[in-house]
C-alpha atoms as a PDB file:
ATOM      1  CA  MET A   1     -72.699  93.946 157.167  1.00  0.00           C
ATOM      2  CA  LEU A   2     -71.522  95.962 154.158  1.00  0.00           C
ATOM      3  CA  SER A   3     -74.419  94.622 152.128  1.00  0.00           C
ATOM      4  CA  TYR A   4     -76.830  95.648 154.879  1.00  0.00           C
ATOM      5  CA  LEU A   5     -75.413  99.165 155.039  1.00  0.00           C
ATOM      6  CA  ARG A   6     -75.600  99.540 151.273  1.00  0.00           C
ATOM      7  CA  THR A   7     -79.231  98.452 151.348  1.00  0.00           C
ATOM      8  CA  MET A   8     -80.005 100.947 154.121  1.00  0.00           C
ATOM      9  CA  SER A   9     -78.354 103.764 152.172  1.00  0.00           C
ATOM     10  CA  GLY A  10     -80.302 102.967 149.019  1.00  0.00           C
ATOM     11  CA  ARG A  11     -83.584 101.090 149.017  1.00  0.00           C
ATOM     12  CA  LEU A  12     -84.691 101.803 152.575  1.00  0.00           C
ATOM     13  CA  VAL A  13     -83.903 105.501 152.332  1.00  0.00           C
ATOM     14  CA  PHE A  14     -86.224 105.630 149.346  1.00  0.00           C
ATOM     15  CA  GLY A  15     -88.699 103.594 151.384  1.00  0.00           C
ATOM     16  CA  ILE A  16     -88.771 106.352 153.970  1.00  0.00           C
ATOM     17  CA  VAL A  17     -89.372 108.870 151.192  1.00  0.00           C
ATOM     18  CA  VAL A  18     -92.216 106.728 149.861  1.00  0.00           C
ATOM     19  CA  PHE A  19     -94.016 106.716 153.193  1.00  0.00           C
ATOM     20  CA  ALA A  20     -93.434 110.439 153.608  1.00  0.00           C
ATOM     21  CA  LEU A  21     -95.007 111.003 150.214  1.00  0.00           C
ATOM     22  CA  TYR A  22     -97.916 108.794 151.175  1.00  0.00           C
ATOM     23  CA  CYS A  23     -98.628 110.989 154.154  1.00  0.00           C
ATOM     24  CA  ALA A  24     -98.496 114.068 151.929  1.00  0.00           C
ATOM     25  CA  LEU A  25    -100.885 112.784 149.267  1.00  0.00           C
ATOM     26  CA  HIS A  26    -104.356 114.251 149.211  1.00  0.00           C
ATOM     27  CA  GLY A  27    -107.568 113.775 147.300  1.00  0.00           C
ATOM     28  CA  ALA A  28    -109.188 110.651 145.874  1.00  0.00           C
ATOM     29  CA  GLU A  29    -106.938 108.303 143.898  1.00  0.00           C
ATOM     30  CA  ALA A  30    -107.919 105.610 141.450  1.00  0.00           C
ATOM     31  CA  LYS A  31    -106.025 103.025 143.482  1.00  0.00           C
ATOM     32  CA  ASP A  32    -106.527 102.740 147.220  1.00  0.00           C
ATOM     33  CA  GLN A  33    -103.539 104.306 148.942  1.00  0.00           C
ATOM     34  CA  ASN A  34    -103.222 101.569 151.551  1.00  0.00           C
ATOM     35  CA  VAL A  35    -103.120  98.893 148.859  1.00  0.00           C
ATOM     36  CA  PHE A  36    -100.606 100.825 146.778  1.00  0.00           C
ATOM     37  CA  THR A  37     -98.339 101.599 149.718  1.00  0.00           C
ATOM     38  CA  GLU A  38     -98.302  97.963 150.797  1.00  0.00           C
ATOM     39  CA  GLU A  39     -97.418  96.830 147.271  1.00  0.00           C
ATOM     40  CA  LEU A  40     -94.556  99.289 147.081  1.00  0.00           C
ATOM     41  CA  ARG A  41     -93.397  98.487 150.606  1.00  0.00           C
ATOM     42  CA  THR A  42     -93.258  94.804 149.674  1.00  0.00           C
ATOM     43  CA  LEU A  43     -90.989  95.615 146.743  1.00  0.00           C
ATOM     44  CA  LEU A  44     -88.739  97.752 148.912  1.00  0.00           C
ATOM     45  CA  MET A  45     -88.353  94.972 151.479  1.00  0.00           C
ATOM     46  CA  THR A  46     -87.922  92.077 149.041  1.00  0.00           C
ATOM     47  CA  PRO A  47     -84.403  90.613 149.334  1.00  0.00           C
ATOM     48  CA  VAL A  48     -82.324  90.047 146.217  1.00  0.00           C
ATOM     49  CA  ASN A  49     -80.803  86.567 146.283  1.00  0.00           C
ATOM     50  CA  GLY A  50     -80.159  83.514 144.144  1.00  0.00           C
ATOM     51  CA  PHE A  51     -83.878  82.878 143.697  1.00  0.00           C
ATOM     52  CA  ASN A  52     -84.858  86.496 143.216  1.00  0.00           C
ATOM     53  CA  THR A  53     -82.391  88.125 140.837  1.00  0.00           C
ATOM     54  CA  ILE A  54     -82.137  91.767 139.900  1.00  0.00           C
ATOM     55  CA  TYR A  55     -83.801  90.954 136.568  1.00  0.00           C
ATOM     56  CA  ILE A  56     -86.842  89.619 138.433  1.00  0.00           C
ATOM     57  CA  MET A  57     -86.946  92.705 140.656  1.00  0.00           C
ATOM     58  CA  GLU A  58     -86.839  94.929 137.576  1.00  0.00           C
ATOM     59  CA  GLN A  59     -89.865  93.096 136.192  1.00  0.00           C
ATOM     60  CA  LYS A  60     -91.760  93.550 139.450  1.00  0.00           C
ATOM     61  CA  TYR A  61     -91.129  97.286 139.459  1.00  0.00           C
ATOM     62  CA  LEU A  62     -92.148  97.530 135.801  1.00  0.00           C
ATOM     63  CA  ASN A  63     -95.363  95.594 136.428  1.00  0.00           C
ATOM     64  CA  LEU A  64     -96.348  97.934 139.250  1.00  0.00           C
ATOM     65  CA  TYR A  65     -95.437 101.043 137.266  1.00  0.00           C
ATOM     66  CA  ASN A  66     -97.581  99.854 134.337  1.00  0.00           C
ATOM     67  CA  ASP A  67    -100.637  99.273 136.532  1.00  0.00           C
ATOM     68  CA  PRO A  68    -103.301 101.371 134.740  1.00  0.00           C
ATOM     69  CA  SER A  69    -105.055 102.195 138.008  1.00  0.00           C
ATOM     70  CA  LEU A  70    -102.115 104.193 139.391  1.00  0.00           C
ATOM     71  CA  SER A  71    -102.332 107.954 139.609  1.00  0.00           C
ATOM     72  CA  GLU A  72     -99.560 110.169 138.243  1.00  0.00           C
ATOM     73  CA  GLU A  73     -98.316 110.741 141.791  1.00  0.00           C
ATOM     74  CA  GLN A  74     -98.200 107.022 142.467  1.00  0.00           C
ATOM     75  CA  LYS A  75     -96.319 106.366 139.225  1.00  0.00           C
ATOM     76  CA  ALA A  76     -93.760 108.965 140.235  1.00  0.00           C
ATOM     77  CA  MET A  77     -93.316 107.209 143.567  1.00  0.00           C
ATOM     78  CA  VAL A  78     -92.747 103.844 141.880  1.00  0.00           C
ATOM     79  CA  LEU A  79     -90.201 105.363 139.511  1.00  0.00           C
ATOM     80  CA  ALA A  80     -88.394 107.059 142.403  1.00  0.00           C
ATOM     81  CA  SER A  81     -88.305 103.777 144.312  1.00  0.00           C
ATOM     82  CA  ARG A  82     -86.966 101.875 141.304  1.00  0.00           C
ATOM     83  CA  ALA A  83     -84.293 104.535 140.858  1.00  0.00           C
ATOM     84  CA  GLY A  84     -83.267 103.975 144.470  1.00  0.00           C
ATOM     85  CA  PHE A  85     -83.131 100.221 143.937  1.00  0.00           C
ATOM     86  CA  ARG A  86     -81.106 100.521 140.743  1.00  0.00           C
ATOM     87  CA  GLY A  87     -78.632 102.837 142.394  1.00  0.00           C
ATOM     88  CA  SER A  88     -78.000 100.466 145.318  1.00  0.00           C
ATOM     89  CA  GLU A  89     -78.664  96.732 145.176  1.00  0.00           C
ATOM     90  CA  GLY A  90     -79.573  96.892 141.501  1.00  0.00           C
ATOM     91  CA  ASP A  91     -75.992  97.759 140.529  1.00  0.00           C
ATOM     92  CA  ASN A  92     -77.262  99.864 137.641  1.00  0.00           C
ATOM     93  CA  LYS A  93     -76.270 103.508 138.018  1.00  0.00           C
ATOM     94  CA  VAL A  94     -77.020 104.120 134.325  1.00  0.00           C
ATOM     95  CA  GLY A  95     -80.556 102.810 134.878  1.00  0.00           C
ATOM     96  CA  GLN A  96     -80.930 104.982 137.960  1.00  0.00           C
ATOM     97  CA  LEU A  97     -80.027 108.054 135.919  1.00  0.00           C
ATOM     98  CA  ALA A  98     -82.588 107.082 133.272  1.00  0.00           C
ATOM     99  CA  ASP A  99     -85.300 106.797 135.924  1.00  0.00           C
ATOM    100  CA  LEU A 100     -84.384 110.121 137.522  1.00  0.00           C
ATOM    101  CA  ASP A 101     -84.366 111.821 134.111  1.00  0.00           C
ATOM    102  CA  LEU A 102     -87.859 110.447 133.494  1.00  0.00           C
ATOM    103  CA  LEU A 103     -89.045 111.618 136.904  1.00  0.00           C
ATOM    104  CA  VAL A 104     -87.985 115.177 136.203  1.00  0.00           C
ATOM    105  CA  GLN A 105     -89.369 115.092 132.662  1.00  0.00           C
ATOM    106  CA  LEU A 106     -92.698 113.303 133.211  1.00  0.00           C
ATOM    107  CA  TYR A 107     -93.696 114.445 136.703  1.00  0.00           C
ATOM    108  CA  PRO A 108     -92.702 118.104 137.133  1.00  0.00           C
ATOM    109  CA  ASN A 109     -95.758 118.732 139.337  1.00  0.00           C
ATOM    110  CA  ALA A 110     -95.243 115.786 141.692  1.00  0.00           C
ATOM    111  CA  GLU A 111     -95.219 116.413 145.429  1.00  0.00           C
ATOM    112  CA  SER A 112     -91.464 115.792 145.564  1.00  0.00           C
ATOM    113  CA  ALA A 113     -90.457 117.251 142.200  1.00  0.00           C
ATOM    114  CA  GLU A 114     -87.658 119.295 143.769  1.00  0.00           C
ATOM    115  CA  ARG A 115     -86.390 116.274 145.657  1.00  0.00           C
ATOM    116  CA  TYR A 116     -86.251 114.321 142.405  1.00  0.00           C
ATOM    117  CA  LYS A 117     -84.116 117.059 140.823  1.00  0.00           C
ATOM    118  CA  GLU A 118     -81.757 116.975 143.788  1.00  0.00           C
ATOM    119  CA  ASP A 119     -81.527 113.180 143.626  1.00  0.00           C
ATOM    120  CA  ARG A 120     -80.736 113.372 139.920  1.00  0.00           C
ATOM    121  CA  ALA A 121     -78.010 115.963 140.420  1.00  0.00           C
ATOM    122  CA  TYR A 122     -76.418 113.916 143.203  1.00  0.00           C
ATOM    123  CA  ALA A 123     -76.522 110.713 141.121  1.00  0.00           C
ATOM    124  CA  TYR A 124     -74.892 112.463 138.175  1.00  0.00           C
ATOM    125  CA  VAL A 125     -72.100 113.795 140.389  1.00  0.00           C
ATOM    126  CA  GLN A 126     -71.483 110.252 141.621  1.00  0.00           C
ATOM    127  CA  THR A 127     -71.426 109.093 138.006  1.00  0.00           C
ATOM    128  CA  TRP A 128     -68.896 111.736 137.036  1.00  0.00           C
ATOM    129  CA  HIS A 129     -66.504 110.499 139.698  1.00  0.00           C
ATOM    130  CA  MET A 130     -67.060 106.858 138.698  1.00  0.00           C
ATOM    131  CA  THR A 131     -66.508 107.415 134.988  1.00  0.00           C
ATOM    132  CA  ASN A 132     -63.550 109.699 135.654  1.00  0.00           C
ATOM    133  CA  ARG A 133     -61.834 107.051 137.759  1.00  0.00           C
ATOM    134  CA  ILE A 134     -62.371 104.426 135.066  1.00  0.00           C
ATOM    135  CA  LEU A 135     -61.090 106.630 132.256  1.00  0.00           C
ATOM    136  CA  LYS A 136     -58.015 107.669 134.241  1.00  0.00           C
ATOM    137  CA  GLY A 137     -57.097 103.998 134.551  1.00  0.00           C
ATOM    138  CA  GLN A 138     -57.223 101.690 137.577  1.00  0.00           C
ATOM    139  CA  ASN A 139     -56.227  98.162 138.467  1.00  0.00           C
ATOM    140  CA  GLU A 140     -58.596  95.376 137.452  1.00  0.00           C
ATOM    141  CA  ASP A 141     -60.475  94.957 140.726  1.00  0.00           C
ATOM    142  CA  LYS A 142     -61.357  98.648 140.996  1.00  0.00           C
ATOM    143  CA  MET A 143     -62.185  98.857 137.298  1.00  0.00           C
ATOM    144  CA  PHE A 144     -64.497  95.883 137.637  1.00  0.00           C
ATOM    145  CA  ALA A 145     -66.276  97.351 140.666  1.00  0.00           C
ATOM    146  CA  GLU A 146     -66.973 100.685 138.948  1.00  0.00           C
ATOM    147  CA  LEU A 147     -68.257  99.128 135.729  1.00  0.00           C
ATOM    148  CA  TRP A 148     -70.391  96.655 137.667  1.00  0.00           C
ATOM    149  CA  SER A 149     -71.984  99.446 139.705  1.00  0.00           C
ATOM    150  CA  LEU A 150     -72.728 101.415 136.534  1.00  0.00           C
ATOM    151  CA  GLY A 151     -74.614  98.397 135.170  1.00  0.00           C
ATOM    152  CA  TYR A 152     -72.140  97.400 132.473  1.00  0.00           C
ATOM    153  CA  TRP A 153     -71.836  93.889 133.857  1.00  0.00           C
ATOM    154  CA  ASP A 154     -70.591  92.161 130.714  1.00  0.00           C
ATOM    155  CA  ASP A 155     -67.973  94.835 130.119  1.00  0.00           C
ATOM    156  CA  ALA A 156     -66.953  94.476 133.761  1.00  0.00           C
ATOM    157  CA  VAL A 157     -66.527  90.719 133.290  1.00  0.00           C
ATOM    158  CA  ASP A 158     -64.417  91.501 130.221  1.00  0.00           C
ATOM    159  CA  VAL A 159     -61.962  93.210 132.565  1.00  0.00           C
ATOM    160  CA  LEU A 160     -61.660  89.941 134.483  1.00  0.00           C
ATOM    161  CA  THR A 161     -61.243  87.767 131.408  1.00  0.00           C
ATOM    162  CA  LYS A 162     -58.464  89.986 130.054  1.00  0.00           C
ATOM    163  CA  ALA A 163     -56.526  90.122 133.312  1.00  0.00           C
ATOM    164  CA  LYS A 164     -53.174  88.358 133.343  1.00  0.00           C
ATOM    165  CA  ARG A 165     -53.776  86.894 136.782  1.00  0.00           C
ATOM    166  CA  PRO A 166     -56.816  86.130 138.992  1.00  0.00           C
ATOM    167  CA  VAL A 167     -58.480  89.348 140.172  1.00  0.00           C
ATOM    168  CA  GLU A 168     -59.242  89.536 143.885  1.00  0.00           C
ATOM    169  CA  LEU A 169     -62.752  90.803 144.664  1.00  0.00           C
ATOM    170  CA  ASP A 170     -64.497  91.402 147.967  1.00  0.00           C
ATOM    171  CA  GLY A 171     -67.211  89.092 149.234  1.00  0.00           C
ATOM    172  CA  ILE A 172     -70.080  91.308 148.106  1.00  0.00           C
ATOM    173  CA  LEU A 173     -68.919  91.334 144.485  1.00  0.00           C
ATOM    174  CA  ILE A 174     -68.298  87.573 144.562  1.00  0.00           C
ATOM    175  CA  ARG A 175     -71.840  87.115 145.879  1.00  0.00           C
ATOM    176  CA  ASP A 176     -73.248  89.345 143.140  1.00  0.00           C
ATOM    177  CA  LEU A 177     -71.367  87.438 140.435  1.00  0.00           C
ATOM    178  CA  GLN A 178     -72.692  84.148 141.788  1.00  0.00           C
ATOM    179  CA  ARG A 179     -76.239  85.438 142.167  1.00  0.00           C
ATOM    180  CA  GLU A 180     -76.379  86.651 138.575  1.00  0.00           C
ATOM    181  CA  GLY A 181     -74.836  83.469 137.162  1.00  0.00           C
ATOM    182  CA  TYR A 182     -71.383  84.687 136.128  1.00  0.00           C
ATOM    183  CA  ILE A 183     -69.459  82.314 138.389  1.00  0.00           C
ATOM    184  CA  LYS A 184     -70.156  79.099 140.259  1.00  0.00           C
ATOM    185  CA  GLY A 185     -68.747  77.715 143.498  1.00  0.00           C
ATOM    186  CA  ALA A 186     -65.083  77.880 144.423  1.00  0.00           C
ATOM    187  CA  SER A 187     -62.718  75.403 142.767  1.00  0.00           C
ATOM    188  CA  SER A 188     -61.091  72.824 145.056  1.00  0.00           C
ATOM    189  CA  GLY A 189     -61.316  74.931 148.184  1.00  0.00           C
ATOM    190  CA  LYS A 190     -58.722  77.296 149.559  1.00  0.00           C
ATOM    191  CA  GLY A 191     -55.848  77.944 147.226  1.00  0.00           C
ATOM    192  CA  GLY A 192     -57.551  76.529 144.132  1.00  0.00           C
ATOM    193  CA  GLY A 193     -54.974  74.782 141.991  1.00  0.00           C
ATOM    194  CA  SER A 194     -57.336  72.542 140.015  1.00  0.00           C
ATOM    195  CA  SER A 195     -57.326  72.399 136.238  1.00  0.00           C
ATOM    196  CA  SER A 196     -60.231  74.871 136.236  1.00  0.00           C
ATOM    197  CA  SER A 197     -57.845  77.503 137.575  1.00  0.00           C
ATOM    198  CA  ARG A 198     -56.250  77.537 134.121  1.00  0.00           C
ATOM    199  CA  ARG A 199     -59.374  79.333 132.970  1.00  0.00           C
ATOM    200  CA  THR A 200     -59.930  82.995 133.736  1.00  0.00           C
ATOM    201  CA  ILE A 201     -60.829  83.198 137.400  1.00  0.00           C
ATOM    202  CA  VAL A 202     -61.480  85.557 140.270  1.00  0.00           C
ATOM    203  CA  ARG A 203     -60.369  85.099 143.850  1.00  0.00           C
ATOM    204  CA  ASP A 204     -62.014  86.129 147.112  1.00  0.00           C
ATOM    205  CA  ASP A 205     -60.265  87.345 150.253  1.00  0.00           C
ATOM    206  CA  HIS A 206     -60.025  83.736 151.492  1.00  0.00           C
ATOM    207  CA  ASP A 207     -58.014  82.708 148.411  1.00  0.00           C
ATOM    208  CA  GLN A 208     -60.848  80.638 147.004  1.00  0.00           C
ATOM    209  CA  GLU A 209     -60.912  80.693 143.216  1.00  0.00           C
ATOM    210  CA  PHE A 210     -63.972  80.878 140.960  1.00  0.00           C
ATOM    211  CA  ALA A 211     -64.197  80.155 137.247  1.00  0.00           C
ATOM    212  CA  ILE A 212     -66.134  82.621 135.090  1.00  0.00           C
ATOM    213  CA  ASN A 213     -69.016  81.078 133.163  1.00  0.00           C
ATOM    214  CA  GLY A 214     -69.471  83.754 130.524  1.00  0.00           C
ATOM    215  CA  TYR A 215     -71.913  86.588 129.910  1.00  0.00           C
ATOM    216  CA  ASN A 216     -75.443  87.253 131.125  1.00  0.00           C
ATOM    217  CA  LEU A 217     -78.425  87.900 128.868  1.00  0.00           C
ATOM    218  CA  ASP A 218     -80.145  89.653 131.773  1.00  0.00           C
ATOM    219  CA  ALA A 219     -77.392  92.224 132.385  1.00  0.00           C
ATOM    220  CA  PRO A 220     -78.897  95.714 132.955  1.00  0.00           C
ATOM    221  CA  ASN A 221     -77.118  97.320 130.003  1.00  0.00           C
ATOM    222  CA  GLU A 222     -75.841  95.951 126.712  1.00  0.00           C
ATOM    223  CA  LYS A 223     -72.191  95.118 126.353  1.00  0.00           C
ATOM    224  CA  LEU A 224     -70.358  98.106 124.838  1.00  0.00           C
ATOM    225  CA  GLY A 225     -67.088  96.393 123.980  1.00  0.00           C
ATOM    226  CA  ASP A 226     -64.977  98.585 121.704  1.00  0.00           C
ATOM    227  CA  ASN A 227     -67.407 101.476 122.288  1.00  0.00           C
ATOM    228  CA  LEU A 228     -66.979 101.401 126.064  1.00  0.00           C
ATOM    229  CA  LYS A 229     -64.449 104.238 126.293  1.00  0.00           C
ATOM    230  CA  THR A 230     -66.433 106.515 123.968  1.00  0.00           C
ATOM    231  CA  SER A 231     -69.664 105.881 125.878  1.00  0.00           C
ATOM    232  CA  LEU A 232     -68.007 106.514 129.245  1.00  0.00           C
ATOM    233  CA  GLU A 233     -66.521 109.766 127.975  1.00  0.00           C
ATOM    234  CA  ALA A 234     -69.967 110.896 126.794  1.00  0.00           C
ATOM    235  CA  LEU A 235     -71.488 109.959 130.148  1.00  0.00           C
ATOM    236  CA  ARG A 236     -68.764 111.841 132.019  1.00  0.00           C
ATOM    237  CA  THR A 237     -69.355 114.917 129.868  1.00  0.00           C
ATOM    238  CA  LYS A 238     -73.091 114.807 130.506  1.00  0.00           C
ATOM    239  CA  ALA A 239     -72.545 114.358 134.235  1.00  0.00           C
ATOM    240  CA  ALA A 240     -70.027 117.209 134.439  1.00  0.00           C
ATOM    241  CA  GLN A 241     -72.753 119.859 134.254  1.00  0.00           C
ATOM    242  CA  TYR A 242     -73.977 118.787 137.709  1.00  0.00           C
ATOM    243  CA  LYS A 243     -70.591 119.058 139.415  1.00  0.00           C
ATOM    244  CA  ASP A 244     -70.688 122.795 140.089  1.00  0.00           C
END
């Protein structure tokens, strides 16, 4: 249910915007509007699961954006939709900000240029709160969740591997870790207790334990490691200008 609500608040909201923009478009376009809208709608409705990872979805958005037959308006719509995906199911707030920055920079005359500016400001305010919470210090499960949502997946997993005890995560985060290949199935059922539990593990709300496999070459953003704090401070400073 939580996953469904998150999807509704992210991808499908941008889907509504896409169709509103479609209705507002005018004039002849290089690519037929019905064809384009159906292609974008398909992306918006595509589920992310074990067979269709976030990396694959990123490639699909990039392929559509690079279609040479798209008009400038259509490219802006694809970029706005990818920003919405990255900010919700894509678990890549940093990538969302990059897309929204590009929207404002590259498409100042788009039909929804003002909406794009508002979306960017709102996303930066969210980012300020996220980075501020991380830098102020939190327990491991909250730290992991914030870093994961920002798109620093490998740095988030570092939080788990350095924890002194198994970190308890909610079902959505466990699902995301499994989907992206960071963990496999639970060890020995409820309560764990197998030799694998000697490794760094996470635990769900049913007390099932999962061993961490390692890092992911397809993580949205590179691992920052020792530079994590400095980068988060710079991001918080940049985001602060949108708070007032």
